[in-house]
Structure formats: structure tokens, C-alpha cells
Amino acid sequence: MAIIVNLDVMMAKRKISLNELSEKVGLTLANLSILKTGKAKAIRFSTLEAICKALDCQPADILEYRDEE
């Protein structure tokens, strides 16, 4: 199972920097960077909600499932 994080794609579409998103969401740059690079093992729904609100998007715009075969 592979969950792909497309946070960098949405940030580029919305023309928002990691620093700006960090301020809007209330997360540290380190934690956002871990999420953005796909190294995160989990994400809280409250964090996902805050990111979606800041980027005006849906969770499916950020998270994608790809079957590993």
C-alpha cells in the first residue's frame, strides 16, 4: 500500500510557500516538511483539516492511494 502526499503540488497551485502555510496552519516548518516530502507515517484529521482550509482544497487533493504491485 502506498499513500502519496501531493502537498507540494497543491502548494504550487495555490502559490503558497512552506513558511506561509506553516503560519496559517500552526505547524512547525519541520513537521510540514516531513509531510511534504512524504516521510510522515500519519497525519491527524485536525492537521489535514487545517491544511485543506488554508489551501482551499479537499483531502483527496493532497492524499492519493497507489497500489504497489
C-alpha atoms as a PDB file:
ATOM      1  CA  MET A   1       0.000   0.000   0.000  1.00  0.00           C
ATOM      2  CA  ALA A   2       1.314   3.417  -0.895  1.00  0.00           C
ATOM      3  CA  ILE A   3      -0.198   6.699   0.151  1.00  0.00           C
ATOM      4  CA  ILE A   4       1.281   9.544  -1.880  1.00  0.00           C
ATOM      5  CA  VAL A   5       1.296  13.039  -0.379  1.00  0.00           C
ATOM      6  CA  ASN A   6       0.776  15.744  -3.010  1.00  0.00           C
ATOM      7  CA  LEU A   7       1.105  18.678  -0.648  1.00  0.00           C
ATOM      8  CA  ASP A   8       3.858  20.258  -2.743  1.00  0.00           C
ATOM      9  CA  VAL A   9       1.615  20.120  -5.828  1.00  0.00           C
ATOM     10  CA  MET A  10      -1.250  21.893  -4.042  1.00  0.00           C
ATOM     11  CA  MET A  11       1.125  24.463  -2.577  1.00  0.00           C
ATOM     12  CA  ALA A  12       2.438  25.232  -6.066  1.00  0.00           C
ATOM     13  CA  LYS A  13      -1.096  25.513  -7.471  1.00  0.00           C
ATOM     14  CA  ARG A  14      -2.045  27.945  -4.692  1.00  0.00           C
ATOM     15  CA  LYS A  15       1.315  29.764  -4.918  1.00  0.00           C
ATOM     16  CA  ILE A  16       1.948  29.462  -1.189  1.00  0.00           C
ATOM     17  CA  SER A  17       5.303  28.918   0.478  1.00  0.00           C
ATOM     18  CA  LEU A  18       6.084  26.447   3.237  1.00  0.00           C
ATOM     19  CA  ASN A  19       6.620  29.362   5.632  1.00  0.00           C
ATOM     20  CA  GLU A  20       3.241  30.903   4.800  1.00  0.00           C
ATOM     21  CA  LEU A  21       1.421  27.576   5.117  1.00  0.00           C
ATOM     22  CA  SER A  22       3.191  26.930   8.419  1.00  0.00           C
ATOM     23  CA  GLU A  23       1.882  30.228   9.804  1.00  0.00           C
ATOM     24  CA  LYS A  24      -1.676  29.627   8.548  1.00  0.00           C
ATOM     25  CA  VAL A  25      -1.867  26.047   9.817  1.00  0.00           C
ATOM     26  CA  GLY A  26       0.086  26.465  13.044  1.00  0.00           C
ATOM     27  CA  LEU A  27       2.585  23.673  12.378  1.00  0.00           C
ATOM     28  CA  THR A  28       6.353  23.866  12.538  1.00  0.00           C
ATOM     29  CA  LEU A  29       8.337  24.028   9.326  1.00  0.00           C
ATOM     30  CA  ALA A  30       9.963  20.711  10.262  1.00  0.00           C
ATOM     31  CA  ASN A  31       6.622  18.900  10.597  1.00  0.00           C
ATOM     32  CA  LEU A  32       5.246  20.374   7.372  1.00  0.00           C
ATOM     33  CA  SER A  33       8.463  19.465   5.581  1.00  0.00           C
ATOM     34  CA  ILE A  34       8.179  15.847   6.765  1.00  0.00           C
ATOM     35  CA  LEU A  35       4.625  15.729   5.478  1.00  0.00           C
ATOM     36  CA  LYS A  36       5.514  17.448   2.194  1.00  0.00           C
ATOM     37  CA  THR A  37       8.346  15.031   1.418  1.00  0.00           C
ATOM     38  CA  GLY A  38       6.133  12.001   2.097  1.00  0.00           C
ATOM     39  CA  LYS A  39       8.152  10.821   5.091  1.00  0.00           C
ATOM     40  CA  ALA A  40       5.269  11.153   7.551  1.00  0.00           C
ATOM     41  CA  LYS A  41       3.784   7.922   8.888  1.00  0.00           C
ATOM     42  CA  ALA A  42       0.494   9.518   9.983  1.00  0.00           C
ATOM     43  CA  ILE A  43      -1.481  12.745   9.916  1.00  0.00           C
ATOM     44  CA  ARG A  44      -4.136  13.931  12.345  1.00  0.00           C
ATOM     45  CA  PHE A  45      -7.514  14.800  10.931  1.00  0.00           C
ATOM     46  CA  SER A  46      -7.279  18.214  12.595  1.00  0.00           C
ATOM     47  CA  THR A  47      -3.999  18.856  10.751  1.00  0.00           C
ATOM     48  CA  LEU A  48      -5.463  17.668   7.459  1.00  0.00           C
ATOM     49  CA  GLU A  49      -8.498  19.885   8.024  1.00  0.00           C
ATOM     50  CA  ALA A  50      -6.309  22.932   8.728  1.00  0.00           C
ATOM     51  CA  ILE A  51      -4.220  22.314   5.602  1.00  0.00           C
ATOM     52  CA  CYS A  52      -7.326  21.865   3.447  1.00  0.00           C
ATOM     53  CA  LYS A  53      -8.802  25.069   4.846  1.00  0.00           C
ATOM     54  CA  ALA A  54      -5.591  27.030   4.231  1.00  0.00           C
ATOM     55  CA  LEU A  55      -5.219  25.687   0.678  1.00  0.00           C
ATOM     56  CA  ASP A  56      -8.960  25.702  -0.110  1.00  0.00           C
ATOM     57  CA  CYS A  57      -8.888  22.074  -1.240  1.00  0.00           C
ATOM     58  CA  GLN A  58     -10.193  18.599  -0.421  1.00  0.00           C
ATOM     59  CA  PRO A  59      -8.211  15.813   1.325  1.00  0.00           C
ATOM     60  CA  ALA A  60      -8.124  13.893  -1.973  1.00  0.00           C
ATOM     61  CA  ASP A  61      -6.208  16.817  -3.497  1.00  0.00           C
ATOM     62  CA  ILE A  62      -3.416  16.162  -1.004  1.00  0.00           C
ATOM     63  CA  LEU A  63      -3.551  12.396  -0.417  1.00  0.00           C
ATOM     64  CA  GLU A  64      -3.528   9.738  -3.125  1.00  0.00           C
ATOM     65  CA  TYR A  65      -3.543   5.942  -2.951  1.00  0.00           C
ATOM     66  CA  ARG A  66      -1.467   3.886  -5.387  1.00  0.00           C
ATOM     67  CA  ASP A  67      -1.482   0.103  -5.351  1.00  0.00           C
ATOM     68  CA  GLU A  68       2.029  -1.347  -5.222  1.00  0.00           C
ATOM     69  CA  GLU A  69       2.106  -4.420  -7.408  1.00  0.00           C
END
